[in-house]
């Protein structure tokens, strides 16, 4: 049986390929207030701002993942199968 490529998976793969090809060098979108605040602050503050930006960028993906988990039995089944495949098989003596 030949596996079918789903449309959402194709979209994610296309977006990932586009991001890899474009690269982070061309993604300098930062507001003027953030740029001025980062330029006039200490290195510790700039580091904290970088972590905050990454956290704010990942939050929508976390919300989307939680929504997919709670609303879609297909996502839960796929995640369970994948995690079962990744875990080590325990023997009866190991437990």
PDB file of N, CA and C in Angstrom:
ATOM      1  N   UNK A   1       0.840  -1.170   0.000  1.00  0.00           N
ATOM      2  CA  UNK A   1       0.000   0.000   0.000  1.00  0.00           C
ATOM      3  C   UNK A   1       0.890   1.240   0.000  1.00  0.00           C
ATOM      4  N   UNK A   2       0.640   2.143  -0.882  1.00  0.00           N
ATOM      5  CA  UNK A   2       1.463   3.330  -1.035  1.00  0.00           C
ATOM      6  C   UNK A   2       0.936   4.444  -0.121  1.00  0.00           C
ATOM      7  N   UNK A   3       1.812   5.060   0.705  1.00  0.00           N
ATOM      8  CA  UNK A   3       1.346   6.129   1.583  1.00  0.00           C
ATOM      9  C   UNK A   3       1.011   7.380   0.781  1.00  0.00           C
ATOM     10  N   UNK A   4      -0.045   8.062   1.214  1.00  0.00           N
ATOM     11  CA  UNK A   4      -0.444   9.296   0.550  1.00  0.00           C
ATOM     12  C   UNK A   4       0.112  10.485   1.316  1.00  0.00           C
ATOM     13  N   UNK A   5       0.506  11.508   0.591  1.00  0.00           N
ATOM     14  CA  UNK A   5       1.011  12.727   1.194  1.00  0.00           C
ATOM     15  C   UNK A   5      -0.160  13.661   1.436  1.00  0.00           C
ATOM     16  N   UNK A   6      -0.384  14.047   2.675  1.00  0.00           N
ATOM     17  CA  UNK A   6      -1.527  14.894   2.981  1.00  0.00           C
ATOM     18  C   UNK A   6      -1.226  16.344   2.634  1.00  0.00           C
ATOM     19  N   UNK A   7      -2.257  17.100   2.385  1.00  0.00           N
ATOM     20  CA  UNK A   7      -2.121  18.501   2.001  1.00  0.00           C
ATOM     21  C   UNK A   7      -1.501  19.353   3.110  1.00  0.00           C
ATOM     22  N   UNK A   8      -1.905  19.212   4.390  1.00  0.00           N
ATOM     23  CA  UNK A   8      -1.241  20.002   5.430  1.00  0.00           C
ATOM     24  C   UNK A   8       0.247  19.679   5.557  1.00  0.00           C
ATOM     25  N   UNK A   9       0.598  18.417   5.421  1.00  0.00           N
ATOM     26  CA  UNK A   9       2.007  18.045   5.500  1.00  0.00           C
ATOM     27  C   UNK A   9       2.796  18.650   4.348  1.00  0.00           C
ATOM     28  N   UNK A  10       2.208  18.668   3.185  1.00  0.00           N
ATOM     29  CA  UNK A  10       2.848  19.279   2.027  1.00  0.00           C
ATOM     30  C   UNK A  10       3.032  20.780   2.239  1.00  0.00           C
ATOM     31  N   UNK A  11       2.042  21.442   2.840  1.00  0.00           N
ATOM     32  CA  UNK A  11       2.149  22.866   3.128  1.00  0.00           C
ATOM     33  C   UNK A  11       3.244  23.172   4.128  1.00  0.00           C
ATOM     34  N   UNK A  12       3.341  22.361   5.181  1.00  0.00           N
ATOM     35  CA  UNK A  12       4.383  22.553   6.183  1.00  0.00           C
ATOM     36  C   UNK A  12       5.762  22.317   5.571  1.00  0.00           C
ATOM     37  N   UNK A  13       5.884  21.279   4.759  1.00  0.00           N
ATOM     38  CA  UNK A  13       7.166  20.996   4.112  1.00  0.00           C
ATOM     39  C   UNK A  13       7.553  22.121   3.158  1.00  0.00           C
ATOM     40  N   UNK A  14       6.593  22.667   2.443  1.00  0.00           N
ATOM     41  CA  UNK A  14       6.888  23.767   1.526  1.00  0.00           C
ATOM     42  C   UNK A  14       7.310  25.015   2.282  1.00  0.00           C
ATOM     43  N   UNK A  15       6.618  25.330   3.359  1.00  0.00           N
ATOM     44  CA  UNK A  15       6.973  26.503   4.152  1.00  0.00           C
ATOM     45  C   UNK A  15       8.345  26.346   4.788  1.00  0.00           C
ATOM     46  N   UNK A  16       8.654  25.153   5.274  1.00  0.00           N
ATOM     47  CA  UNK A  16       9.968  24.907   5.857  1.00  0.00           C
ATOM     48  C   UNK A  16      11.064  25.041   4.814  1.00  0.00           C
ATOM     49  N   UNK A  17      10.842  24.490   3.637  1.00  0.00           N
ATOM     50  CA  UNK A  17      11.833  24.606   2.565  1.00  0.00           C
ATOM     51  C   UNK A  17      12.042  26.063   2.169  1.00  0.00           C
ATOM     52  N   UNK A  18      10.970  26.830   2.120  1.00  0.00           N
ATOM     53  CA  UNK A  18      11.082  28.238   1.780  1.00  0.00           C
ATOM     54  C   UNK A  18      11.875  28.995   2.830  1.00  0.00           C
ATOM     55  N   UNK A  19      11.609  28.718   4.104  1.00  0.00           N
ATOM     56  CA  UNK A  19      12.346  29.386   5.174  1.00  0.00           C
ATOM     57  C   UNK A  19      13.826  29.019   5.157  1.00  0.00           C
ATOM     58  N   UNK A  20      14.121  27.766   4.851  1.00  0.00           N
ATOM     59  CA  UNK A  20      15.524  27.344   4.790  1.00  0.00           C
ATOM     60  C   UNK A  20      16.231  28.008   3.622  1.00  0.00           C
ATOM     61  N   UNK A  21      15.552  28.105   2.492  1.00  0.00           N
ATOM     62  CA  UNK A  21      16.168  28.715   1.322  1.00  0.00           C
ATOM     63  C   UNK A  21      16.336  30.220   1.477  1.00  0.00           C
ATOM     64  N   UNK A  22      15.365  30.882   2.080  1.00  0.00           N
ATOM     65  CA  UNK A  22      15.450  32.329   2.262  1.00  0.00           C
ATOM     66  C   UNK A  22      16.488  32.648   3.324  1.00  0.00           C
ATOM     67  N   UNK A  23      16.504  31.891   4.390  1.00  0.00           N
ATOM     68  CA  UNK A  23      17.495  32.066   5.442  1.00  0.00           C
ATOM     69  C   UNK A  23      17.172  33.208   6.378  1.00  0.00           C
ATOM     70  N   UNK A  24      17.828  33.236   7.518  1.00  0.00           N
ATOM     71  CA  UNK A  24      17.537  34.268   8.515  1.00  0.00           C
ATOM     72  C   UNK A  24      18.144  35.627   8.172  1.00  0.00           C
ATOM     73  N   UNK A  25      19.066  35.709   7.210  1.00  0.00           N
ATOM     74  CA  UNK A  25      19.711  36.977   6.900  1.00  0.00           C
ATOM     75  C   UNK A  25      18.725  38.008   6.365  1.00  0.00           C
ATOM     76  N   UNK A  26      17.712  37.569   5.653  1.00  0.00           N
ATOM     77  CA  UNK A  26      16.763  38.512   5.076  1.00  0.00           C
ATOM     78  C   UNK A  26      15.581  38.798   5.999  1.00  0.00           C
ATOM     79  N   UNK A  27      15.578  38.247   7.178  1.00  0.00           N
ATOM     80  CA  UNK A  27      14.458  38.443   8.099  1.00  0.00           C
ATOM     81  C   UNK A  27      14.842  39.433   9.198  1.00  0.00           C
ATOM     82  N   UNK A  28      14.981  40.686   8.833  1.00  0.00           N
ATOM     83  CA  UNK A  28      15.339  41.723   9.793  1.00  0.00           C
ATOM     84  C   UNK A  28      14.138  42.592  10.147  1.00  0.00           C
ATOM     85  N   UNK A  29      12.975  41.989  10.307  1.00  0.00           N
ATOM     86  CA  UNK A  29      11.770  42.733  10.631  1.00  0.00           C
ATOM     87  C   UNK A  29      11.742  42.988  12.133  1.00  0.00           C
ATOM     88  N   UNK A  30      12.027  44.237  12.509  1.00  0.00           N
ATOM     89  CA  UNK A  30      11.998  44.618  13.906  1.00  0.00           C
ATOM     90  C   UNK A  30      11.463  46.035  13.985  1.00  0.00           C
ATOM     91  N   UNK A  31      10.595  46.280  14.933  1.00  0.00           N
ATOM     92  CA  UNK A  31      10.026  47.627  15.036  1.00  0.00           C
ATOM     93  C   UNK A  31      11.085  48.596  15.543  1.00  0.00           C
ATOM     94  N   UNK A  32      10.854  49.874  15.295  1.00  0.00           N
ATOM     95  CA  UNK A  32      11.824  50.904  15.663  1.00  0.00           C
ATOM     96  C   UNK A  32      12.005  50.979  17.179  1.00  0.00           C
ATOM     97  N   UNK A  33      10.934  50.790  17.938  1.00  0.00           N
ATOM     98  CA  UNK A  33      11.045  50.864  19.399  1.00  0.00           C
ATOM     99  C   UNK A  33      11.896  49.719  19.938  1.00  0.00           C
ATOM    100  N   UNK A  34      11.713  48.514  19.427  1.00  0.00           N
ATOM    101  CA  UNK A  34      12.512  47.366  19.884  1.00  0.00           C
ATOM    102  C   UNK A  34      13.970  47.539  19.488  1.00  0.00           C
ATOM    103  N   UNK A  35      14.199  48.025  18.279  1.00  0.00           N
ATOM    104  CA  UNK A  35      15.567  48.225  17.808  1.00  0.00           C
ATOM    105  C   UNK A  35      16.286  49.256  18.675  1.00  0.00           C
ATOM    106  N   UNK A  36      15.622  50.366  19.011  1.00  0.00           N
ATOM    107  CA  UNK A  36      16.234  51.390  19.860  1.00  0.00           C
ATOM    108  C   UNK A  36      16.464  50.878  21.273  1.00  0.00           C
ATOM    109  N   UNK A  37      15.520  50.109  21.797  1.00  0.00           N
ATOM    110  CA  UNK A  37      15.669  49.562  23.148  1.00  0.00           C
ATOM    111  C   UNK A  37      16.824  48.576  23.208  1.00  0.00           C
ATOM    112  N   UNK A  38      16.969  47.764  22.180  1.00  0.00           N
ATOM    113  CA  UNK A  38      18.071  46.796  22.158  1.00  0.00           C
ATOM    114  C   UNK A  38      19.406  47.497  21.971  1.00  0.00           C
ATOM    115  N   UNK A  39      19.433  48.551  21.193  1.00  0.00           N
ATOM    116  CA  UNK A  39      20.691  49.255  20.936  1.00  0.00           C
ATOM    117  C   UNK A  39      21.180  50.006  22.165  1.00  0.00           C
ATOM    118  N   UNK A  40      20.277  50.481  22.993  1.00  0.00           N
ATOM    119  CA  UNK A  40      20.691  51.294  24.140  1.00  0.00           C
ATOM    120  C   UNK A  40      20.722  50.510  25.445  1.00  0.00           C
ATOM    121  N   UNK A  41      20.693  49.203  25.400  1.00  0.00           N
ATOM    122  CA  UNK A  41      20.661  48.405  26.627  1.00  0.00           C
ATOM    123  C   UNK A  41      21.946  47.596  26.780  1.00  0.00           C
ATOM    124  N   UNK A  42      22.083  46.990  27.954  1.00  0.00           N
ATOM    125  CA  UNK A  42      23.260  46.172  28.232  1.00  0.00           C
ATOM    126  C   UNK A  42      23.145  44.819  27.525  1.00  0.00           C
ATOM    127  N   UNK A  43      24.232  44.072  27.541  1.00  0.00           N
ATOM    128  CA  UNK A  43      24.231  42.775  26.854  1.00  0.00           C
ATOM    129  C   UNK A  43      23.274  41.786  27.532  1.00  0.00           C
ATOM    130  N   UNK A  44      23.153  41.871  28.881  1.00  0.00           N
ATOM    131  CA  UNK A  44      22.214  40.979  29.570  1.00  0.00           C
ATOM    132  C   UNK A  44      20.775  41.271  29.152  1.00  0.00           C
ATOM    133  N   UNK A  45      20.456  42.559  29.001  1.00  0.00           N
ATOM    134  CA  UNK A  45      19.104  42.927  28.590  1.00  0.00           C
ATOM    135  C   UNK A  45      18.839  42.490  27.159  1.00  0.00           C
ATOM    136  N   UNK A  46      19.822  42.630  26.295  1.00  0.00           N
ATOM    137  CA  UNK A  46      19.651  42.175  24.903  1.00  0.00           C
ATOM    138  C   UNK A  46      19.444  40.669  24.847  1.00  0.00           C
ATOM    139  N   UNK A  47      20.169  39.928  25.664  1.00  0.00           N
ATOM    140  CA  UNK A  47      19.999  38.479  25.714  1.00  0.00           C
ATOM    141  C   UNK A  47      18.594  38.121  26.203  1.00  0.00           C
ATOM    142  N   UNK A  48      18.133  38.828  27.243  1.00  0.00           N
ATOM    143  CA  UNK A  48      16.781  38.574  27.765  1.00  0.00           C
ATOM    144  C   UNK A  48      15.729  38.917  26.721  1.00  0.00           C
ATOM    145  N   UNK A  49      15.946  39.985  25.976  1.00  0.00           N
ATOM    146  CA  UNK A  49      14.997  40.364  24.929  1.00  0.00           C
ATOM    147  C   UNK A  49      14.958  39.302  23.830  1.00  0.00           C
ATOM    148  N   UNK A  50      16.109  38.736  23.493  1.00  0.00           N
ATOM    149  CA  UNK A  50      16.142  37.678  22.483  1.00  0.00           C
ATOM    150  C   UNK A  50      15.350  36.455  22.935  1.00  0.00           C
ATOM    151  N   UNK A  51      15.512  36.058  24.203  1.00  0.00           N
ATOM    152  CA  UNK A  51      14.746  34.929  24.714  1.00  0.00           C
ATOM    153  C   UNK A  51      13.247  35.237  24.731  1.00  0.00           C
ATOM    154  N   UNK A  52      12.895  36.468  25.080  1.00  0.00           N
ATOM    155  CA  UNK A  52      11.485  36.857  25.097  1.00  0.00           C
ATOM    156  C   UNK A  52      10.889  36.814  23.693  1.00  0.00           C
ATOM    157  N   UNK A  53      11.650  37.262  22.709  1.00  0.00           N
ATOM    158  CA  UNK A  53      11.162  37.252  21.329  1.00  0.00           C
ATOM    159  C   UNK A  53      10.948  35.817  20.852  1.00  0.00           C
ATOM    160  N   UNK A  54      11.879  34.939  21.176  1.00  0.00           N
ATOM    161  CA  UNK A  54      11.725  33.535  20.783  1.00  0.00           C
ATOM    162  C   UNK A  54      10.500  32.928  21.474  1.00  0.00           C
ATOM    163  N   UNK A  55      10.314  33.238  22.751  1.00  0.00           N
ATOM    164  CA  UNK A  55       9.143  32.734  23.469  1.00  0.00           C
ATOM    165  C   UNK A  55       7.847  33.231  22.875  1.00  0.00           C
ATOM    166  N   UNK A  56       7.817  34.515  22.504  1.00  0.00           N
ATOM    167  CA  UNK A  56       6.616  35.068  21.880  1.00  0.00           C
ATOM    168  C   UNK A  56       6.378  34.477  20.498  1.00  0.00           C
ATOM    169  N   UNK A  57       7.433  34.124  19.794  1.00  0.00           N
ATOM    170  CA  UNK A  57       7.283  33.536  18.465  1.00  0.00           C
ATOM    171  C   UNK A  57       6.773  32.101  18.545  1.00  0.00           C
ATOM    172  N   UNK A  58       7.141  31.359  19.587  1.00  0.00           N
ATOM    173  CA  UNK A  58       6.738  29.958  19.702  1.00  0.00           C
ATOM    174  C   UNK A  58       5.348  29.770  20.308  1.00  0.00           C
ATOM    175  N   UNK A  59       4.836  30.776  20.976  1.00  0.00           N
ATOM    176  CA  UNK A  59       3.538  30.656  21.644  1.00  0.00           C
ATOM    177  C   UNK A  59       2.401  30.290  20.693  1.00  0.00           C
ATOM    178  N   UNK A  60       2.261  30.928  19.520  1.00  0.00           N
ATOM    179  CA  UNK A  60       1.156  30.520  18.633  1.00  0.00           C
ATOM    180  C   UNK A  60       1.246  29.064  18.188  1.00  0.00           C
ATOM    181  N   UNK A  61       2.460  28.547  18.016  1.00  0.00           N
ATOM    182  CA  UNK A  61       2.613  27.146  17.632  1.00  0.00           C
ATOM    183  C   UNK A  61       2.175  26.225  18.767  1.00  0.00           C
ATOM    184  N   UNK A  62       2.469  26.601  20.000  1.00  0.00           N
ATOM    185  CA  UNK A  62       2.017  25.816  21.137  1.00  0.00           C
ATOM    186  C   UNK A  62       0.505  25.797  21.260  1.00  0.00           C
ATOM    187  N   UNK A  63      -0.116  26.949  21.037  1.00  0.00           N
ATOM    188  CA  UNK A  63      -1.576  27.030  21.094  1.00  0.00           C
ATOM    189  C   UNK A  63      -2.191  26.180  19.978  1.00  0.00           C
ATOM    190  N   UNK A  64      -1.614  26.259  18.782  1.00  0.00           N
ATOM    191  CA  UNK A  64      -2.130  25.461  17.665  1.00  0.00           C
ATOM    192  C   UNK A  64      -1.962  23.970  17.926  1.00  0.00           C
ATOM    193  N   UNK A  65      -0.834  23.586  18.519  1.00  0.00           N
ATOM    194  CA  UNK A  65      -0.612  22.174  18.829  1.00  0.00           C
ATOM    195  C   UNK A  65      -1.605  21.679  19.873  1.00  0.00           C
ATOM    196  N   UNK A  66      -1.869  22.487  20.889  1.00  0.00           N
ATOM    197  CA  UNK A  66      -2.839  22.094  21.912  1.00  0.00           C
ATOM    198  C   UNK A  66      -4.250  22.003  21.333  1.00  0.00           C
ATOM    199  N   UNK A  67      -4.588  22.918  20.426  1.00  0.00           N
ATOM    200  CA  UNK A  67      -5.902  22.863  19.790  1.00  0.00           C
ATOM    201  C   UNK A  67      -6.024  21.619  18.922  1.00  0.00           C
ATOM    202  N   UNK A  68      -4.985  21.305  18.172  1.00  0.00           N
ATOM    203  CA  UNK A  68      -5.014  20.106  17.331  1.00  0.00           C
ATOM    204  C   UNK A  68      -5.126  18.854  18.192  1.00  0.00           C
ATOM    205  N   UNK A  69      -4.404  18.823  19.304  1.00  0.00           N
ATOM    206  CA  UNK A  69      -4.446  17.666  20.201  1.00  0.00           C
ATOM    207  C   UNK A  69      -5.837  17.484  20.793  1.00  0.00           C
ATOM    208  N   UNK A  70      -6.458  18.582  21.212  1.00  0.00           N
ATOM    209  CA  UNK A  70      -7.746  18.453  21.886  1.00  0.00           C
ATOM    210  C   UNK A  70      -8.914  18.267  20.921  1.00  0.00           C
ATOM    211  N   UNK A  71      -8.782  18.728  19.679  1.00  0.00           N
ATOM    212  CA  UNK A  71      -9.908  18.660  18.754  1.00  0.00           C
ATOM    213  C   UNK A  71      -9.839  17.503  17.759  1.00  0.00           C
ATOM    214  N   UNK A  72      -8.664  16.945  17.547  1.00  0.00           N
ATOM    215  CA  UNK A  72      -8.525  15.945  16.493  1.00  0.00           C
ATOM    216  C   UNK A  72      -8.088  14.592  17.034  1.00  0.00           C
ATOM    217  N   UNK A  73      -8.947  13.594  16.959  1.00  0.00           N
ATOM    218  CA  UNK A  73      -8.535  12.242  17.364  1.00  0.00           C
ATOM    219  C   UNK A  73      -7.436  11.687  16.459  1.00  0.00           C
ATOM    220  N   UNK A  74      -7.365  12.150  15.219  1.00  0.00           N
ATOM    221  CA  UNK A  74      -6.323  11.687  14.301  1.00  0.00           C
ATOM    222  C   UNK A  74      -4.948  12.131  14.782  1.00  0.00           C
ATOM    223  N   UNK A  75      -4.848  13.367  15.253  1.00  0.00           N
ATOM    224  CA  UNK A  75      -3.566  13.881  15.759  1.00  0.00           C
ATOM    225  C   UNK A  75      -3.159  13.099  17.000  1.00  0.00           C
ATOM    226  N   UNK A  76      -4.111  12.828  17.894  1.00  0.00           N
ATOM    227  CA  UNK A  76      -3.783  12.056  19.099  1.00  0.00           C
ATOM    228  C   UNK A  76      -3.316  10.654  18.745  1.00  0.00           C
ATOM    229  N   UNK A  77      -3.970  10.011  17.784  1.00  0.00           N
ATOM    230  CA  UNK A  77      -3.581   8.654  17.392  1.00  0.00           C
ATOM    231  C   UNK A  77      -2.197   8.665  16.739  1.00  0.00           C
ATOM    232  N   UNK A  78      -1.935   9.641  15.871  1.00  0.00           N
ATOM    233  CA  UNK A  78      -0.631   9.722  15.211  1.00  0.00           C
ATOM    234  C   UNK A  78       0.478   9.969  16.233  1.00  0.00           C
ATOM    235  N   UNK A  79       0.220  10.860  17.206  1.00  0.00           N
ATOM    236  CA  UNK A  79       1.219  11.153  18.235  1.00  0.00           C
ATOM    237  C   UNK A  79       1.474   9.924  19.093  1.00  0.00           C
ATOM    238  N   UNK A  80       0.429   9.217  19.451  1.00  0.00           N
ATOM    239  CA  UNK A  80       0.599   8.003  20.263  1.00  0.00           C
ATOM    240  C   UNK A  80       1.403   6.949  19.520  1.00  0.00           C
ATOM    241  N   UNK A  81       1.094   6.751  18.232  1.00  0.00           N
ATOM    242  CA  UNK A  81       1.858   5.774  17.442  1.00  0.00           C
ATOM    243  C   UNK A  81       3.324   6.181  17.338  1.00  0.00           C
ATOM    244  N   UNK A  82       3.574   7.454  17.109  1.00  0.00           N
ATOM    245  CA  UNK A  82       4.950   7.927  16.953  1.00  0.00           C
ATOM    246  C   UNK A  82       5.718   7.791  18.251  1.00  0.00           C
ATOM    247  N   UNK A  83       5.107   8.163  19.367  1.00  0.00           N
ATOM    248  CA  UNK A  83       5.793   8.044  20.653  1.00  0.00           C
ATOM    249  C   UNK A  83       6.032   6.589  21.039  1.00  0.00           C
ATOM    250  N   UNK A  84       5.085   5.713  20.718  1.00  0.00           N
ATOM    251  CA  UNK A  84       5.281   4.294  20.998  1.00  0.00           C
ATOM    252  C   UNK A  84       6.449   3.738  20.206  1.00  0.00           C
ATOM    253  N   UNK A  85       6.603   4.206  18.976  1.00  0.00           N
ATOM    254  CA  UNK A  85       7.691   3.746  18.130  1.00  0.00           C
ATOM    255  C   UNK A  85       9.039   4.250  18.654  1.00  0.00           C
ATOM    256  N   UNK A  86       9.046   5.433  19.279  1.00  0.00           N
ATOM    257  CA  UNK A  86      10.295   6.009  19.756  1.00  0.00           C
ATOM    258  C   UNK A  86      10.735   5.473  21.107  1.00  0.00           C
ATOM    259  N   UNK A  87       9.813   4.954  21.900  1.00  0.00           N
ATOM    260  CA  UNK A  87      10.173   4.451  23.219  1.00  0.00           C
ATOM    261  C   UNK A  87      10.805   3.076  23.103  1.00  0.00           C
ATOM    262  N   UNK A  88      11.576   2.743  24.103  1.00  0.00           N
ATOM    263  CA  UNK A  88      12.221   1.440  24.128  1.00  0.00           C
ATOM    264  C   UNK A  88      11.214   0.384  24.568  1.00  0.00           C
ATOM    265  N   UNK A  89      11.322  -0.767  23.999  1.00  0.00           N
ATOM    266  CA  UNK A  89      10.459  -1.876  24.409  1.00  0.00           C
ATOM    267  C   UNK A  89      11.020  -2.471  25.697  1.00  0.00           C
ATOM    268  N   UNK A  90      10.186  -2.499  26.718  1.00  0.00           N
ATOM    269  CA  UNK A  90      10.617  -3.058  27.985  1.00  0.00           C
ATOM    270  C   UNK A  90      10.271  -4.534  28.061  1.00  0.00           C
ATOM    271  N   UNK A  91      11.160  -5.279  28.636  1.00  0.00           N
ATOM    272  CA  UNK A  91      10.856  -6.692  28.859  1.00  0.00           C
ATOM    273  C   UNK A  91      10.202  -6.820  30.220  1.00  0.00           C
ATOM    274  N   UNK A  92       9.685  -7.971  30.529  1.00  0.00           N
ATOM    275  CA  UNK A  92       9.021  -8.167  31.809  1.00  0.00           C
ATOM    276  C   UNK A  92      10.009  -8.116  32.957  1.00  0.00           C
ATOM    277  N   UNK A  93      11.271  -8.451  32.724  1.00  0.00           N
ATOM    278  CA  UNK A  93      12.277  -8.418  33.797  1.00  0.00           C
ATOM    279  C   UNK A  93      12.695  -7.010  34.140  1.00  0.00           C
ATOM    280  N   UNK A  94      12.581  -6.058  33.216  1.00  0.00           N
ATOM    281  CA  UNK A  94      12.994  -4.682  33.463  1.00  0.00           C
ATOM    282  C   UNK A  94      12.002  -3.916  34.322  1.00  0.00           C
ATOM    283  N   UNK A  95      10.768  -4.367  34.407  1.00  0.00           N
ATOM    284  CA  UNK A  95       9.759  -3.631  35.156  1.00  0.00           C
ATOM    285  C   UNK A  95       9.799  -3.996  36.574  1.00  0.00           C
TER     286      UNK A  95
END
